[in-house]
N, C-alpha and C. Protein backbone atom coordinates (compact mmCIF):
# COMPACT_ATOMS: atom_id res chain seq x y z
N MET A 1 21.21 -17.87 -15.13
CA MET A 1 20.34 -17.69 -13.97
C MET A 1 20.55 -16.32 -13.34
N LYS A 2 21.83 -15.89 -13.26
CA LYS A 2 22.12 -14.59 -12.66
C LYS A 2 21.51 -13.47 -13.48
N THR A 3 21.61 -13.58 -14.83
CA THR A 3 21.03 -12.57 -15.70
C THR A 3 19.51 -12.53 -15.58
N ARG A 4 18.88 -13.71 -15.51
CA ARG A 4 17.43 -13.78 -15.38
C ARG A 4 16.99 -13.18 -14.04
N GLY A 5 17.74 -13.47 -12.97
CA GLY A 5 17.41 -12.90 -11.67
C GLY A 5 17.53 -11.39 -11.67
N LEU A 6 18.56 -10.87 -12.33
CA LEU A 6 18.74 -9.42 -12.42
C LEU A 6 17.61 -8.78 -13.21
N GLU A 7 17.17 -9.46 -14.27
CA GLU A 7 16.06 -8.95 -15.08
C GLU A 7 14.78 -8.90 -14.26
N VAL A 8 14.55 -9.91 -13.43
CA VAL A 8 13.36 -9.92 -12.58
C VAL A 8 13.40 -8.76 -11.59
N VAL A 9 14.57 -8.51 -11.01
CA VAL A 9 14.72 -7.42 -10.05
C VAL A 9 14.46 -6.08 -10.73
N VAL A 10 15.00 -5.91 -11.94
CA VAL A 10 14.81 -4.66 -12.67
C VAL A 10 13.33 -4.44 -12.99
N ARG A 11 12.67 -5.51 -13.45
CA ARG A 11 11.25 -5.40 -13.77
C ARG A 11 10.42 -5.10 -12.53
N LEU A 12 10.75 -5.74 -11.42
CA LEU A 12 10.01 -5.50 -10.18
C LEU A 12 10.21 -4.07 -9.70
N ARG A 13 11.44 -3.58 -9.78
CA ARG A 13 11.72 -2.21 -9.36
C ARG A 13 11.00 -1.21 -10.25
N THR A 14 10.98 -1.50 -11.56
CA THR A 14 10.28 -0.62 -12.49
C THR A 14 8.78 -0.61 -12.21
N TRP A 15 8.22 -1.79 -11.95
CA TRP A 15 6.78 -1.89 -11.67
C TRP A 15 6.42 -1.13 -10.39
N VAL A 16 7.21 -1.32 -9.34
CA VAL A 16 6.95 -0.62 -8.08
C VAL A 16 7.07 0.89 -8.27
N GLY A 17 8.10 1.32 -9.01
CA GLY A 17 8.27 2.75 -9.26
C GLY A 17 7.12 3.33 -10.05
N ASN A 18 6.64 2.59 -11.04
CA ASN A 18 5.52 3.07 -11.84
C ASN A 18 4.24 3.14 -11.02
N GLN A 19 4.00 2.12 -10.21
CA GLN A 19 2.80 2.14 -9.38
C GLN A 19 2.84 3.30 -8.38
N TRP A 20 4.00 3.53 -7.82
CA TRP A 20 4.13 4.63 -6.86
C TRP A 20 3.94 5.98 -7.55
N SER A 21 4.53 6.16 -8.72
CA SER A 21 4.43 7.43 -9.42
C SER A 21 3.04 7.67 -9.98
N ASN A 22 2.30 6.62 -10.27
CA ASN A 22 0.96 6.76 -10.84
C ASN A 22 -0.12 7.01 -9.80
N HIS A 23 0.15 6.68 -8.54
CA HIS A 23 -0.88 6.75 -7.51
C HIS A 23 -0.40 7.61 -6.34
N PRO A 24 -0.51 8.92 -6.44
CA PRO A 24 -0.06 9.78 -5.33
C PRO A 24 -0.84 9.57 -4.05
N SER A 25 -2.06 9.02 -4.15
CA SER A 25 -2.86 8.79 -2.95
C SER A 25 -2.28 7.71 -2.06
N VAL A 26 -1.33 6.92 -2.57
CA VAL A 26 -0.75 5.85 -1.76
C VAL A 26 0.09 6.42 -0.62
N ASP A 27 0.52 7.69 -0.74
CA ASP A 27 1.34 8.29 0.31
C ASP A 27 0.58 8.40 1.63
N LEU A 28 -0.73 8.59 1.55
CA LEU A 28 -1.53 8.75 2.77
C LEU A 28 -1.52 7.49 3.63
N PRO A 29 -1.88 6.31 3.08
CA PRO A 29 -1.81 5.11 3.93
C PRO A 29 -0.39 4.76 4.37
N VAL A 30 0.61 5.09 3.55
CA VAL A 30 2.00 4.84 3.95
C VAL A 30 2.34 5.65 5.20
N ALA A 31 1.96 6.94 5.18
CA ALA A 31 2.22 7.79 6.35
C ALA A 31 1.45 7.29 7.56
N ALA A 32 0.20 6.86 7.37
CA ALA A 32 -0.60 6.36 8.48
C ALA A 32 0.02 5.10 9.08
N VAL A 33 0.54 4.22 8.23
CA VAL A 33 1.16 2.99 8.73
C VAL A 33 2.42 3.30 9.53
N VAL A 34 3.23 4.24 9.04
CA VAL A 34 4.46 4.61 9.74
C VAL A 34 4.14 5.17 11.12
N VAL A 35 3.17 6.07 11.19
CA VAL A 35 2.79 6.65 12.48
C VAL A 35 2.18 5.59 13.39
N ALA A 36 1.38 4.68 12.83
CA ALA A 36 0.77 3.62 13.64
C ALA A 36 1.84 2.70 14.23
N ILE A 37 2.83 2.35 13.44
CA ILE A 37 3.91 1.50 13.94
C ILE A 37 4.65 2.19 15.08
N HIS A 38 4.93 3.48 14.90
CA HIS A 38 5.61 4.22 15.96
C HIS A 38 4.75 4.28 17.22
N ALA A 39 3.43 4.47 17.06
CA ALA A 39 2.54 4.52 18.23
C ALA A 39 2.54 3.18 18.97
N ILE A 40 2.55 2.09 18.22
CA ILE A 40 2.59 0.76 18.86
C ILE A 40 3.89 0.58 19.64
N LEU A 41 5.00 1.04 19.05
CA LEU A 41 6.29 0.92 19.74
C LEU A 41 6.30 1.74 21.03
N VAL A 42 5.67 2.91 20.98
CA VAL A 42 5.67 3.79 22.15
C VAL A 42 4.77 3.26 23.26
N TYR A 43 3.54 2.89 22.91
CA TYR A 43 2.55 2.51 23.93
C TYR A 43 2.66 1.05 24.38
N ARG A 44 3.08 0.18 23.48
CA ARG A 44 3.12 -1.25 23.82
C ARG A 44 4.51 -1.68 24.31
N TYR A 45 5.55 -1.13 23.69
CA TYR A 45 6.91 -1.57 24.04
C TYR A 45 7.71 -0.50 24.75
N ASN A 46 7.04 0.61 25.11
CA ASN A 46 7.67 1.67 25.91
C ASN A 46 8.93 2.24 25.26
N VAL A 47 8.91 2.35 23.95
CA VAL A 47 10.02 2.99 23.25
C VAL A 47 9.96 4.49 23.51
N SER A 48 11.11 5.10 23.71
CA SER A 48 11.16 6.52 24.04
C SER A 48 10.60 7.37 22.90
N ASN A 49 9.80 8.36 23.25
CA ASN A 49 9.23 9.29 22.28
C ASN A 49 9.89 10.65 22.48
N VAL A 50 10.59 11.13 21.48
CA VAL A 50 11.38 12.35 21.61
C VAL A 50 10.51 13.55 21.98
N LEU A 51 9.40 13.72 21.28
CA LEU A 51 8.53 14.86 21.57
C LEU A 51 7.91 14.77 22.96
N GLY A 52 7.70 13.55 23.43
CA GLY A 52 7.12 13.38 24.75
C GLY A 52 8.05 13.84 25.86
N LEU A 53 9.36 13.85 25.60
CA LEU A 53 10.34 14.27 26.59
C LEU A 53 10.58 15.77 26.57
N ALA A 54 10.08 16.44 25.53
CA ALA A 54 10.32 17.87 25.38
C ALA A 54 9.34 18.68 26.21
N GLU A 55 9.77 19.88 26.61
CA GLU A 55 8.89 20.81 27.30
C GLU A 55 7.88 21.39 26.32
N SER A 56 6.82 21.98 26.88
CA SER A 56 5.78 22.55 26.03
C SER A 56 6.32 23.64 25.11
N SER A 57 7.20 24.49 25.63
CA SER A 57 7.77 25.56 24.81
C SER A 57 8.62 25.01 23.68
N GLN A 58 9.33 23.91 23.97
CA GLN A 58 10.13 23.27 22.93
C GLN A 58 9.25 22.66 21.85
N ARG A 59 8.17 22.02 22.26
CA ARG A 59 7.26 21.42 21.28
C ARG A 59 6.65 22.50 20.38
N LEU A 60 6.24 23.61 20.98
CA LEU A 60 5.65 24.68 20.18
C LEU A 60 6.65 25.22 19.16
N ALA A 61 7.91 25.33 19.56
CA ALA A 61 8.94 25.80 18.62
C ALA A 61 9.13 24.80 17.49
N ILE A 62 9.09 23.51 17.83
CA ILE A 62 9.24 22.47 16.80
C ILE A 62 8.06 22.49 15.85
N TYR A 63 6.85 22.64 16.38
CA TYR A 63 5.66 22.68 15.54
C TYR A 63 5.71 23.88 14.59
N ALA A 64 6.16 25.02 15.12
CA ALA A 64 6.26 26.21 14.28
C ALA A 64 7.30 26.01 13.17
N ALA A 65 8.42 25.38 13.52
CA ALA A 65 9.44 25.11 12.50
C ALA A 65 8.90 24.15 11.44
N GLY A 66 8.11 23.17 11.87
CA GLY A 66 7.52 22.25 10.90
C GLY A 66 6.58 22.94 9.95
N ALA A 67 5.74 23.84 10.48
CA ALA A 67 4.81 24.58 9.62
C ALA A 67 5.57 25.44 8.62
N GLY A 68 6.64 26.09 9.08
CA GLY A 68 7.43 26.92 8.16
C GLY A 68 8.13 26.11 7.09
N THR A 69 8.66 24.96 7.49
CA THR A 69 9.39 24.12 6.53
C THR A 69 8.46 23.58 5.44
N THR A 70 7.30 23.09 5.84
CA THR A 70 6.36 22.56 4.84
C THR A 70 5.84 23.66 3.92
N SER A 71 5.67 24.86 4.46
CA SER A 71 5.24 25.99 3.62
C SER A 71 6.31 26.34 2.60
N LEU A 72 7.57 26.35 3.04
CA LEU A 72 8.67 26.63 2.10
C LEU A 72 8.76 25.54 1.03
N THR A 73 8.55 24.29 1.43
CA THR A 73 8.58 23.20 0.46
C THR A 73 7.46 23.34 -0.56
N ALA A 74 6.28 23.79 -0.11
CA ALA A 74 5.18 24.03 -1.04
C ALA A 74 5.55 25.13 -2.03
N GLY A 75 6.29 26.15 -1.54
CA GLY A 75 6.76 27.20 -2.45
C GLY A 75 7.73 26.66 -3.48
N PHE A 76 8.60 25.74 -3.06
CA PHE A 76 9.52 25.11 -4.00
C PHE A 76 8.77 24.29 -5.04
N ALA A 77 7.69 23.65 -4.61
CA ALA A 77 6.86 22.89 -5.55
C ALA A 77 6.27 23.82 -6.60
N GLY A 78 5.86 25.03 -6.19
CA GLY A 78 5.35 26.00 -7.15
C GLY A 78 6.40 26.40 -8.16
N THR A 79 7.66 26.53 -7.71
CA THR A 79 8.75 26.84 -8.64
C THR A 79 8.95 25.71 -9.64
N ALA A 80 8.89 24.47 -9.15
CA ALA A 80 9.05 23.32 -10.05
C ALA A 80 7.93 23.28 -11.09
N ILE A 81 6.71 23.62 -10.68
CA ILE A 81 5.59 23.64 -11.61
C ILE A 81 5.80 24.72 -12.67
N ALA A 82 6.35 25.86 -12.25
CA ALA A 82 6.63 26.94 -13.19
C ALA A 82 7.67 26.51 -14.23
N VAL A 83 8.68 25.78 -13.79
CA VAL A 83 9.70 25.26 -14.73
C VAL A 83 9.05 24.31 -15.72
N TYR A 84 8.19 23.43 -15.23
CA TYR A 84 7.50 22.48 -16.10
C TYR A 84 6.60 23.20 -17.10
N GLY A 85 5.88 24.22 -16.64
CA GLY A 85 4.97 24.94 -17.52
C GLY A 85 5.67 25.79 -18.55
N SER A 86 6.86 26.30 -18.21
CA SER A 86 7.57 27.17 -19.14
C SER A 86 8.43 26.42 -20.14
N SER A 87 8.66 25.14 -19.91
CA SER A 87 9.47 24.34 -20.85
C SER A 87 8.65 24.05 -22.10
N SER A 88 9.27 24.24 -23.26
CA SER A 88 8.53 24.07 -24.51
C SER A 88 9.27 23.20 -25.52
N GLY A 89 10.23 22.42 -25.06
CA GLY A 89 10.97 21.56 -25.97
C GLY A 89 10.15 20.38 -26.44
N LYS A 90 10.69 19.65 -27.42
CA LYS A 90 9.98 18.52 -28.00
C LYS A 90 9.74 17.41 -26.98
N VAL A 91 10.77 17.10 -26.17
CA VAL A 91 10.63 16.00 -25.21
C VAL A 91 9.63 16.36 -24.12
N VAL A 92 9.68 17.61 -23.63
CA VAL A 92 8.73 18.04 -22.61
C VAL A 92 7.31 18.04 -23.18
N ALA A 93 7.17 18.47 -24.44
CA ALA A 93 5.84 18.45 -25.07
C ALA A 93 5.33 17.02 -25.19
N ASP A 94 6.22 16.08 -25.53
CA ASP A 94 5.82 14.68 -25.62
C ASP A 94 5.46 14.14 -24.24
N LEU A 95 6.18 14.60 -23.21
CA LEU A 95 5.88 14.19 -21.85
C LEU A 95 4.49 14.66 -21.44
N ARG A 96 4.15 15.89 -21.81
CA ARG A 96 2.82 16.41 -21.49
C ARG A 96 1.74 15.63 -22.23
N ALA A 97 2.00 15.32 -23.51
CA ALA A 97 1.00 14.62 -24.31
C ALA A 97 0.73 13.22 -23.78
N ARG A 98 1.77 12.52 -23.35
CA ARG A 98 1.60 11.14 -22.91
C ARG A 98 1.15 11.03 -21.45
N TYR A 99 1.79 11.83 -20.59
CA TYR A 99 1.62 11.63 -19.15
C TYR A 99 1.09 12.87 -18.44
N GLY A 100 0.53 13.82 -19.19
CA GLY A 100 0.09 15.08 -18.61
C GLY A 100 -0.89 14.91 -17.46
N GLN A 101 -1.83 13.98 -17.61
CA GLN A 101 -2.84 13.77 -16.57
C GLN A 101 -2.22 13.26 -15.27
N VAL A 102 -1.27 12.34 -15.40
CA VAL A 102 -0.62 11.79 -14.21
C VAL A 102 0.25 12.85 -13.54
N VAL A 103 0.98 13.63 -14.34
CA VAL A 103 1.82 14.68 -13.79
C VAL A 103 0.99 15.71 -13.03
N ARG A 104 -0.12 16.12 -13.64
CA ARG A 104 -0.99 17.09 -12.96
C ARG A 104 -1.55 16.52 -11.66
N ARG A 105 -1.92 15.26 -11.67
CA ARG A 105 -2.44 14.63 -10.45
C ARG A 105 -1.38 14.62 -9.35
N ASN A 106 -0.14 14.39 -9.72
CA ASN A 106 0.94 14.40 -8.74
C ASN A 106 1.18 15.80 -8.19
N TRP A 107 1.18 16.80 -9.08
CA TRP A 107 1.40 18.18 -8.62
C TRP A 107 0.30 18.59 -7.64
N ARG A 108 -0.94 18.29 -7.97
CA ARG A 108 -2.04 18.66 -7.09
C ARG A 108 -1.91 17.99 -5.72
N SER A 109 -1.54 16.72 -5.74
CA SER A 109 -1.39 15.99 -4.49
C SER A 109 -0.25 16.58 -3.65
N ILE A 110 0.85 16.91 -4.29
CA ILE A 110 1.99 17.47 -3.56
C ILE A 110 1.63 18.79 -2.91
N LEU A 111 1.10 19.72 -3.70
CA LEU A 111 0.76 21.04 -3.17
C LEU A 111 -0.32 20.95 -2.09
N GLY A 112 -1.36 20.16 -2.36
CA GLY A 112 -2.46 20.05 -1.41
C GLY A 112 -2.02 19.51 -0.06
N TRP A 113 -1.22 18.44 -0.07
CA TRP A 113 -0.84 17.82 1.19
C TRP A 113 0.25 18.57 1.91
N LEU A 114 1.11 19.29 1.17
CA LEU A 114 2.10 20.12 1.85
C LEU A 114 1.43 21.26 2.61
N LEU A 115 0.43 21.87 1.97
CA LEU A 115 -0.32 22.93 2.66
C LEU A 115 -1.13 22.35 3.82
N ALA A 116 -1.72 21.17 3.61
CA ALA A 116 -2.46 20.52 4.70
C ALA A 116 -1.53 20.19 5.87
N SER A 117 -0.30 19.80 5.57
CA SER A 117 0.66 19.50 6.63
C SER A 117 1.00 20.74 7.44
N ALA A 118 1.14 21.87 6.75
CA ALA A 118 1.40 23.13 7.47
C ALA A 118 0.24 23.46 8.40
N ILE A 119 -0.98 23.25 7.93
CA ILE A 119 -2.16 23.50 8.76
C ILE A 119 -2.20 22.54 9.94
N LEU A 120 -1.82 21.28 9.73
CA LEU A 120 -1.79 20.31 10.83
C LEU A 120 -0.76 20.70 11.88
N CYS A 121 0.37 21.26 11.46
CA CYS A 121 1.38 21.72 12.42
C CYS A 121 0.82 22.87 13.27
N ILE A 122 0.10 23.77 12.62
CA ILE A 122 -0.53 24.87 13.36
C ILE A 122 -1.60 24.32 14.31
N LEU A 123 -2.34 23.30 13.85
CA LEU A 123 -3.34 22.67 14.72
C LEU A 123 -2.67 22.03 15.93
N ALA A 124 -1.52 21.40 15.72
CA ALA A 124 -0.79 20.80 16.84
C ALA A 124 -0.38 21.87 17.85
N MET A 125 0.02 23.03 17.37
CA MET A 125 0.35 24.14 18.27
C MET A 125 -0.88 24.58 19.07
N THR A 126 -2.02 24.55 18.42
CA THR A 126 -3.24 25.02 19.06
C THR A 126 -3.71 24.09 20.18
N VAL A 127 -3.62 22.79 19.95
CA VAL A 127 -4.16 21.82 20.91
C VAL A 127 -3.14 21.37 21.94
N ASP A 128 -1.92 21.86 21.84
CA ASP A 128 -0.87 21.41 22.76
C ASP A 128 -1.08 22.03 24.15
N THR A 129 -1.45 21.19 25.09
CA THR A 129 -1.59 21.59 26.49
C THR A 129 -0.98 20.49 27.35
N LYS A 130 -0.91 20.75 28.65
CA LYS A 130 -0.35 19.74 29.54
C LYS A 130 -1.19 18.47 29.57
N SER A 131 -2.49 18.64 29.40
CA SER A 131 -3.39 17.48 29.46
C SER A 131 -3.54 16.76 28.12
N SER A 132 -3.22 17.45 27.02
CA SER A 132 -3.40 16.84 25.69
C SER A 132 -2.13 16.91 24.86
N ALA A 133 -0.99 16.77 25.51
CA ALA A 133 0.28 16.86 24.79
C ALA A 133 0.42 15.73 23.76
N ARG A 134 -0.04 14.55 24.15
CA ARG A 134 0.10 13.39 23.26
C ARG A 134 -0.60 13.59 21.93
N SER A 135 -1.81 14.13 21.95
CA SER A 135 -2.54 14.31 20.70
C SER A 135 -1.81 15.26 19.76
N SER A 136 -1.23 16.32 20.28
CA SER A 136 -0.49 17.26 19.43
C SER A 136 0.74 16.60 18.83
N GLU A 137 1.37 15.72 19.59
CA GLU A 137 2.57 15.03 19.10
C GLU A 137 2.25 14.16 17.89
N TRP A 138 1.15 13.42 17.96
CA TRP A 138 0.81 12.52 16.86
C TRP A 138 0.30 13.29 15.64
N ILE A 139 -0.39 14.40 15.87
CA ILE A 139 -0.81 15.24 14.74
C ILE A 139 0.42 15.77 14.01
N PHE A 140 1.38 16.25 14.79
CA PHE A 140 2.60 16.78 14.18
C PHE A 140 3.39 15.69 13.46
N GLU A 141 3.49 14.53 14.08
CA GLU A 141 4.26 13.44 13.46
C GLU A 141 3.64 13.03 12.13
N PHE A 142 2.31 12.91 12.08
CA PHE A 142 1.66 12.56 10.82
C PHE A 142 1.93 13.63 9.76
N ALA A 143 1.88 14.90 10.17
CA ALA A 143 2.14 15.99 9.22
C ALA A 143 3.55 15.89 8.65
N ILE A 144 4.51 15.59 9.49
CA ILE A 144 5.90 15.51 9.03
C ILE A 144 6.12 14.31 8.11
N VAL A 145 5.52 13.17 8.46
CA VAL A 145 5.70 11.97 7.63
C VAL A 145 5.07 12.15 6.26
N ILE A 146 3.85 12.69 6.20
CA ILE A 146 3.20 12.90 4.91
C ILE A 146 3.96 13.94 4.10
N SER A 147 4.54 14.94 4.78
CA SER A 147 5.34 15.94 4.07
C SER A 147 6.58 15.29 3.46
N ALA A 148 7.19 14.36 4.20
CA ALA A 148 8.39 13.68 3.69
C ALA A 148 8.06 12.85 2.44
N THR A 149 6.92 12.16 2.45
CA THR A 149 6.54 11.37 1.28
C THR A 149 6.25 12.26 0.07
N LYS A 150 5.61 13.40 0.31
CA LYS A 150 5.32 14.32 -0.79
C LYS A 150 6.58 15.00 -1.29
N PHE A 151 7.52 15.25 -0.40
CA PHE A 151 8.78 15.84 -0.84
C PHE A 151 9.56 14.87 -1.72
N ALA A 152 9.52 13.58 -1.37
CA ALA A 152 10.16 12.58 -2.21
C ALA A 152 9.53 12.54 -3.60
N ARG A 153 8.21 12.65 -3.66
CA ARG A 153 7.50 12.69 -4.94
C ARG A 153 7.87 13.96 -5.71
N LEU A 154 8.02 15.07 -4.99
CA LEU A 154 8.40 16.33 -5.63
C LEU A 154 9.78 16.23 -6.26
N ILE A 155 10.72 15.63 -5.55
CA ILE A 155 12.07 15.46 -6.09
C ILE A 155 12.04 14.59 -7.34
N PHE A 156 11.23 13.53 -7.31
CA PHE A 156 11.11 12.65 -8.47
C PHE A 156 10.59 13.41 -9.69
N LEU A 157 9.52 14.18 -9.51
CA LEU A 157 8.93 14.91 -10.64
C LEU A 157 9.85 16.01 -11.13
N PHE A 158 10.49 16.71 -10.20
CA PHE A 158 11.41 17.77 -10.60
C PHE A 158 12.58 17.19 -11.40
N GLY A 159 13.09 16.04 -10.95
CA GLY A 159 14.16 15.38 -11.71
C GLY A 159 13.70 14.95 -13.09
N LEU A 160 12.45 14.48 -13.20
CA LEU A 160 11.90 14.08 -14.49
C LEU A 160 11.82 15.26 -15.45
N VAL A 161 11.35 16.41 -14.94
CA VAL A 161 11.24 17.61 -15.78
C VAL A 161 12.61 18.10 -16.21
N MET A 162 13.56 18.12 -15.27
CA MET A 162 14.90 18.58 -15.61
C MET A 162 15.58 17.65 -16.61
N GLU A 163 15.35 16.36 -16.45
CA GLU A 163 15.92 15.40 -17.40
C GLU A 163 15.34 15.60 -18.79
N SER A 164 14.05 15.87 -18.86
CA SER A 164 13.41 16.12 -20.15
C SER A 164 13.97 17.38 -20.79
N ALA A 165 14.15 18.43 -19.99
CA ALA A 165 14.71 19.67 -20.52
C ALA A 165 16.14 19.46 -21.00
N ASP A 166 16.91 18.64 -20.28
CA ASP A 166 18.29 18.35 -20.70
C ASP A 166 18.31 17.61 -22.02
N HIS A 167 17.39 16.66 -22.21
CA HIS A 167 17.33 15.91 -23.46
C HIS A 167 16.97 16.83 -24.62
N ASP A 168 16.17 17.85 -24.37
CA ASP A 168 15.80 18.78 -25.43
C ASP A 168 16.99 19.57 -25.94
N SER A 169 18.00 19.74 -25.09
CA SER A 169 19.18 20.50 -25.49
C SER A 169 20.21 19.66 -26.24
N ARG A 170 19.93 18.35 -26.36
CA ARG A 170 20.84 17.46 -27.07
C ARG A 170 20.35 17.23 -28.49
N PRO A 171 21.26 16.84 -29.40
CA PRO A 171 20.83 16.60 -30.80
C PRO A 171 19.78 15.51 -30.93
N THR A 172 19.90 14.45 -30.16
CA THR A 172 18.94 13.34 -30.26
C THR A 172 18.39 13.08 -28.87
N GLY A 173 17.25 13.66 -28.58
CA GLY A 173 16.62 13.48 -27.27
C GLY A 173 15.67 12.31 -27.29
N ILE A 174 15.51 11.68 -26.16
CA ILE A 174 14.55 10.59 -26.02
C ILE A 174 13.69 10.87 -24.80
N THR A 175 12.48 10.40 -24.85
CA THR A 175 11.57 10.60 -23.73
C THR A 175 12.03 9.76 -22.54
N PRO A 176 12.13 10.34 -21.33
CA PRO A 176 12.52 9.57 -20.16
C PRO A 176 11.57 8.38 -19.95
N THR A 177 12.16 7.25 -19.55
CA THR A 177 11.37 6.03 -19.37
C THR A 177 10.42 6.18 -18.20
N TRP A 178 9.13 6.11 -18.50
CA TRP A 178 8.09 6.18 -17.47
C TRP A 178 6.85 5.56 -18.07
N ASN A 179 6.14 4.75 -17.34
CA ASN A 179 5.02 4.02 -17.91
C ASN A 179 3.79 4.10 -17.01
N PRO A 180 3.19 5.30 -16.89
CA PRO A 180 1.99 5.40 -16.06
C PRO A 180 0.80 4.72 -16.71
N ARG A 181 -0.25 4.52 -15.93
CA ARG A 181 -1.40 3.77 -16.42
C ARG A 181 -2.09 4.50 -17.57
N ASP A 182 -1.96 5.86 -17.63
CA ASP A 182 -2.60 6.62 -18.70
C ASP A 182 -1.92 6.41 -20.05
N ALA A 183 -0.73 5.80 -20.02
CA ALA A 183 0.00 5.62 -21.27
C ALA A 183 -0.75 4.70 -22.24
N ASP A 184 -1.47 3.73 -21.71
CA ASP A 184 -2.20 2.82 -22.58
C ASP A 184 -3.23 3.57 -23.41
N THR A 185 -3.95 4.50 -22.79
CA THR A 185 -4.94 5.29 -23.53
C THR A 185 -4.28 6.09 -24.62
N TYR A 186 -3.14 6.70 -24.29
CA TYR A 186 -2.44 7.50 -25.28
C TYR A 186 -1.94 6.62 -26.43
N ARG A 187 -1.41 5.43 -26.09
CA ARG A 187 -0.82 4.57 -27.10
C ARG A 187 -1.88 4.09 -28.09
N HIS A 188 -3.05 3.71 -27.59
CA HIS A 188 -4.10 3.20 -28.48
C HIS A 188 -4.69 4.31 -29.35
N SER A 189 -4.77 5.53 -28.78
CA SER A 189 -5.40 6.61 -29.53
C SER A 189 -4.48 7.24 -30.56
N SER A 190 -3.15 7.20 -30.29
CA SER A 190 -2.23 7.88 -31.19
C SER A 190 -1.39 6.93 -32.02
N GLY A 191 -1.36 5.66 -31.62
CA GLY A 191 -0.53 4.70 -32.35
C GLY A 191 0.93 4.76 -31.97
N VAL A 192 1.27 5.55 -30.92
CA VAL A 192 2.65 5.68 -30.48
C VAL A 192 2.88 4.73 -29.33
N SER A 193 3.94 3.97 -29.39
CA SER A 193 4.23 3.02 -28.32
C SER A 193 5.04 3.70 -27.25
N SER A 194 4.62 3.52 -25.98
CA SER A 194 5.35 4.10 -24.87
C SER A 194 6.25 3.07 -24.20
N LYS A 195 6.37 1.89 -24.78
CA LYS A 195 7.18 0.84 -24.20
C LYS A 195 8.65 1.17 -24.39
N PRO A 196 9.48 1.18 -23.33
CA PRO A 196 10.88 1.51 -23.46
C PRO A 196 11.59 0.60 -24.43
N LYS A 197 12.61 1.16 -25.13
CA LYS A 197 13.36 0.37 -26.11
C LYS A 197 14.02 -0.84 -25.46
N ALA A 198 14.54 -0.63 -24.23
CA ALA A 198 15.20 -1.74 -23.56
C ALA A 198 14.25 -2.90 -23.34
N ALA A 199 12.99 -2.57 -22.98
CA ALA A 199 12.01 -3.63 -22.73
C ALA A 199 11.64 -4.34 -24.02
N ARG A 200 11.52 -3.55 -25.14
CA ARG A 200 11.20 -4.19 -26.41
C ARG A 200 12.33 -5.12 -26.84
N GLY A 201 13.60 -4.68 -26.58
CA GLY A 201 14.73 -5.53 -26.94
C GLY A 201 14.74 -6.81 -26.14
N ALA A 202 14.39 -6.67 -24.84
CA ALA A 202 14.35 -7.87 -24.00
C ALA A 202 13.28 -8.83 -24.47
N GLY A 203 12.14 -8.27 -24.95
CA GLY A 203 11.07 -9.12 -25.46
C GLY A 203 11.49 -9.90 -26.68
N ARG A 204 12.21 -9.21 -27.59
CA ARG A 204 12.67 -9.90 -28.79
C ARG A 204 13.68 -10.97 -28.45
N ALA A 205 14.53 -10.68 -27.44
CA ALA A 205 15.52 -11.68 -27.06
C ALA A 205 14.84 -12.91 -26.48
N GLY A 206 13.75 -12.65 -25.70
CA GLY A 206 13.04 -13.77 -25.11
C GLY A 206 12.40 -14.67 -26.15
N LYS A 207 11.82 -14.02 -27.20
CA LYS A 207 11.19 -14.81 -28.26
C LYS A 207 12.20 -15.64 -29.02
N ALA A 208 13.42 -15.04 -29.20
CA ALA A 208 14.46 -15.77 -29.92
C ALA A 208 14.89 -16.98 -29.12
């Protein structure tokens, strides 16, 4: 029973990870929900809002720091893309062949929303006045939350690329386990199975 429960947890974690990695657009509603929950806590339950307690000059400094940070993160994303594009090993080439469309979709989402977050921080600086301080706070908060979700996605992709490059330097490299929705199209068209070996072994054990 313990082994079966652990297998269910592993499968659930893998499924959630695959769904998250395959759908970069899910970050937008996640950020909206986080900001909405915080707004409910502030307005309905009178939870303290840090930005609301800050002076206008302090808020402007924070907004400027946010714009700079997201811009720097977008620059780091460009470096990661350059590493991915310059890698030419067998495992990286296989990664491009199987999951290239999903990877490109993730890169576009990361860069686009990081730049959009920087623009939102600048917009928050623009609209911040004594009469409209609240609106600037929520614009900035949404920008920071969406930036955090995209940064997490960036770290995931960068780790995937680095892992692939590391496998290319070994005598026997294997493709990192990842099962995006585009894999089915690749598998049927090329005859190559993208199902992880561990999962195939578990299937055989179940049949036995």
